[in-house]
Amino acid sequence: MGQVEWRKSSYSGSEANCVEVALTTTHTGVRDSKNPSGPALSFSLSAFKAFLTRAKF
C-alpha cells in the first residue's frame, strides 16, 4: 500500500483492538491495529463497497 494514512473508528478508543483502513484512489487497505507492521489486505474500491453493503445486513 505504500505511504498511506491508516485510520480506525473513533468508537474504538485509544487502546482497543480493531481493524484500520487506508484509502487510495483505487484501493482500500485493511490491517490489524495490534500489528501495524504486519500484513494488510488490499481490496478494489468496488469490492470493499460491496463488502460494506452486505455487512450492514
N, C-alpha and C. Protein backbone atom coordinates (compact mmCIF):
# COMPACT_ATOMS: atom_id res chain seq x y z
N MET A 1 0.82 -1.20 0.00
CA MET A 1 0.00 0.00 0.00
C MET A 1 0.87 1.26 0.00
N GLY A 2 2.14 1.13 0.32
CA GLY A 2 3.00 2.30 0.32
C GLY A 2 2.70 3.23 1.48
N GLN A 3 2.96 4.50 1.30
CA GLN A 3 2.71 5.51 2.34
C GLN A 3 1.26 5.97 2.28
N VAL A 4 0.46 5.49 3.20
CA VAL A 4 -0.95 5.87 3.28
C VAL A 4 -1.28 6.23 4.73
N GLU A 5 -2.38 6.89 4.92
CA GLU A 5 -2.83 7.23 6.27
C GLU A 5 -3.81 6.16 6.74
N TRP A 6 -3.41 5.43 7.78
CA TRP A 6 -4.27 4.41 8.35
C TRP A 6 -5.18 5.04 9.39
N ARG A 7 -6.45 4.65 9.37
CA ARG A 7 -7.44 5.21 10.29
C ARG A 7 -8.25 4.09 10.93
N LYS A 8 -8.70 4.35 12.16
CA LYS A 8 -9.62 3.41 12.80
C LYS A 8 -10.79 4.19 13.37
N SER A 9 -11.83 3.51 13.69
CA SER A 9 -13.05 4.14 14.17
C SER A 9 -12.80 4.92 15.46
N SER A 10 -13.43 6.06 15.58
CA SER A 10 -13.33 6.84 16.81
C SER A 10 -14.03 6.12 17.97
N TYR A 11 -14.87 5.17 17.67
CA TYR A 11 -15.56 4.39 18.70
C TYR A 11 -14.64 3.35 19.35
N SER A 12 -13.49 3.08 18.74
CA SER A 12 -12.62 2.02 19.24
C SER A 12 -11.80 2.45 20.44
N GLY A 13 -11.65 3.73 20.70
CA GLY A 13 -10.85 4.19 21.82
C GLY A 13 -9.36 4.08 21.50
N SER A 14 -8.53 4.52 22.41
CA SER A 14 -7.09 4.56 22.12
C SER A 14 -6.41 3.21 22.28
N GLU A 15 -6.95 2.31 23.09
CA GLU A 15 -6.28 1.03 23.31
C GLU A 15 -7.07 -0.17 22.81
N ALA A 16 -8.16 0.07 22.15
CA ALA A 16 -8.99 -1.04 21.66
C ALA A 16 -8.32 -1.72 20.47
N ASN A 17 -8.55 -2.99 20.35
CA ASN A 17 -8.03 -3.75 19.22
C ASN A 17 -9.10 -3.78 18.14
N CYS A 18 -8.74 -3.33 16.98
CA CYS A 18 -9.71 -3.29 15.90
C CYS A 18 -8.98 -3.31 14.56
N VAL A 19 -9.71 -3.15 13.51
CA VAL A 19 -9.08 -3.04 12.20
C VAL A 19 -8.88 -1.58 11.85
N GLU A 20 -7.91 -1.33 11.00
CA GLU A 20 -7.66 0.01 10.48
C GLU A 20 -7.84 -0.04 8.98
N VAL A 21 -8.24 1.06 8.39
CA VAL A 21 -8.40 1.14 6.95
C VAL A 21 -7.57 2.28 6.40
N ALA A 22 -7.14 2.12 5.16
CA ALA A 22 -6.43 3.17 4.44
C ALA A 22 -7.04 3.26 3.05
N LEU A 23 -7.28 4.47 2.59
CA LEU A 23 -7.91 4.68 1.29
C LEU A 23 -6.92 5.27 0.31
N THR A 24 -6.91 4.74 -0.90
CA THR A 24 -6.18 5.35 -2.01
C THR A 24 -7.21 5.65 -3.09
N THR A 25 -6.76 6.12 -4.22
CA THR A 25 -7.72 6.43 -5.28
C THR A 25 -8.28 5.16 -5.93
N THR A 26 -7.62 4.03 -5.75
CA THR A 26 -8.08 2.80 -6.40
C THR A 26 -8.32 1.63 -5.46
N HIS A 27 -7.83 1.70 -4.23
CA HIS A 27 -7.94 0.55 -3.32
C HIS A 27 -8.24 0.98 -1.89
N THR A 28 -8.72 0.01 -1.11
CA THR A 28 -8.90 0.16 0.33
C THR A 28 -8.05 -0.89 1.00
N GLY A 29 -7.21 -0.46 1.93
CA GLY A 29 -6.38 -1.39 2.69
C GLY A 29 -7.01 -1.65 4.04
N VAL A 30 -6.83 -2.86 4.55
CA VAL A 30 -7.36 -3.25 5.85
C VAL A 30 -6.25 -3.98 6.60
N ARG A 31 -6.01 -3.61 7.86
CA ARG A 31 -4.99 -4.29 8.67
C ARG A 31 -5.42 -4.36 10.12
N ASP A 32 -4.73 -5.17 10.89
CA ASP A 32 -4.99 -5.35 12.32
C ASP A 32 -4.27 -4.23 13.09
N SER A 33 -4.98 -3.50 13.91
CA SER A 33 -4.37 -2.39 14.65
C SER A 33 -3.34 -2.87 15.67
N LYS A 34 -3.43 -4.13 16.11
CA LYS A 34 -2.46 -4.67 17.06
C LYS A 34 -1.11 -4.96 16.40
N ASN A 35 -1.11 -5.07 15.06
CA ASN A 35 0.10 -5.45 14.33
C ASN A 35 0.27 -4.54 13.11
N PRO A 36 0.53 -3.26 13.32
CA PRO A 36 0.59 -2.33 12.19
C PRO A 36 1.70 -2.60 11.19
N SER A 37 2.74 -3.30 11.59
CA SER A 37 3.81 -3.62 10.65
C SER A 37 3.58 -4.97 9.96
N GLY A 38 2.49 -5.63 10.31
CA GLY A 38 2.17 -6.92 9.73
C GLY A 38 1.50 -6.78 8.38
N PRO A 39 0.93 -7.86 7.89
CA PRO A 39 0.32 -7.84 6.56
C PRO A 39 -0.96 -7.01 6.52
N ALA A 40 -1.27 -6.53 5.35
CA ALA A 40 -2.51 -5.78 5.11
C ALA A 40 -3.21 -6.38 3.90
N LEU A 41 -4.51 -6.38 3.93
CA LEU A 41 -5.30 -6.81 2.78
C LEU A 41 -5.60 -5.61 1.92
N SER A 42 -5.68 -5.81 0.63
CA SER A 42 -5.99 -4.72 -0.30
C SER A 42 -7.16 -5.12 -1.16
N PHE A 43 -8.18 -4.27 -1.20
CA PHE A 43 -9.39 -4.53 -1.97
C PHE A 43 -9.62 -3.40 -2.96
N SER A 44 -10.17 -3.72 -4.12
CA SER A 44 -10.59 -2.65 -5.03
C SER A 44 -11.71 -1.88 -4.34
N LEU A 45 -11.90 -0.64 -4.73
CA LEU A 45 -12.95 0.17 -4.10
C LEU A 45 -14.32 -0.47 -4.28
N SER A 46 -14.58 -1.03 -5.45
CA SER A 46 -15.89 -1.64 -5.69
C SER A 46 -16.09 -2.90 -4.83
N ALA A 47 -15.03 -3.68 -4.64
CA ALA A 47 -15.14 -4.88 -3.81
C ALA A 47 -15.37 -4.51 -2.34
N PHE A 48 -14.69 -3.48 -1.86
CA PHE A 48 -14.87 -3.07 -0.48
C PHE A 48 -16.25 -2.47 -0.26
N LYS A 49 -16.73 -1.70 -1.23
CA LYS A 49 -18.09 -1.14 -1.14
C LYS A 49 -19.12 -2.26 -1.08
N ALA A 50 -18.94 -3.29 -1.90
CA ALA A 50 -19.86 -4.43 -1.89
C ALA A 50 -19.82 -5.14 -0.54
N PHE A 51 -18.63 -5.30 0.02
CA PHE A 51 -18.50 -5.92 1.35
C PHE A 51 -19.26 -5.11 2.40
N LEU A 52 -19.07 -3.78 2.41
CA LEU A 52 -19.75 -2.95 3.40
C LEU A 52 -21.27 -3.00 3.23
N THR A 53 -21.72 -3.01 2.00
CA THR A 53 -23.16 -3.09 1.74
C THR A 53 -23.74 -4.38 2.32
N ARG A 54 -23.06 -5.50 2.10
CA ARG A 54 -23.54 -6.79 2.60
C ARG A 54 -23.36 -6.91 4.11
N ALA A 55 -22.34 -6.30 4.67
CA ALA A 55 -22.08 -6.39 6.11
C ALA A 55 -23.12 -5.64 6.92
N LYS A 56 -23.81 -4.69 6.34
CA LYS A 56 -24.81 -3.90 7.05
C LYS A 56 -26.08 -4.68 7.34
N PHE A 57 -26.28 -5.82 6.68
CA PHE A 57 -27.48 -6.61 6.88
C PHE A 57 -27.35 -7.37 8.13
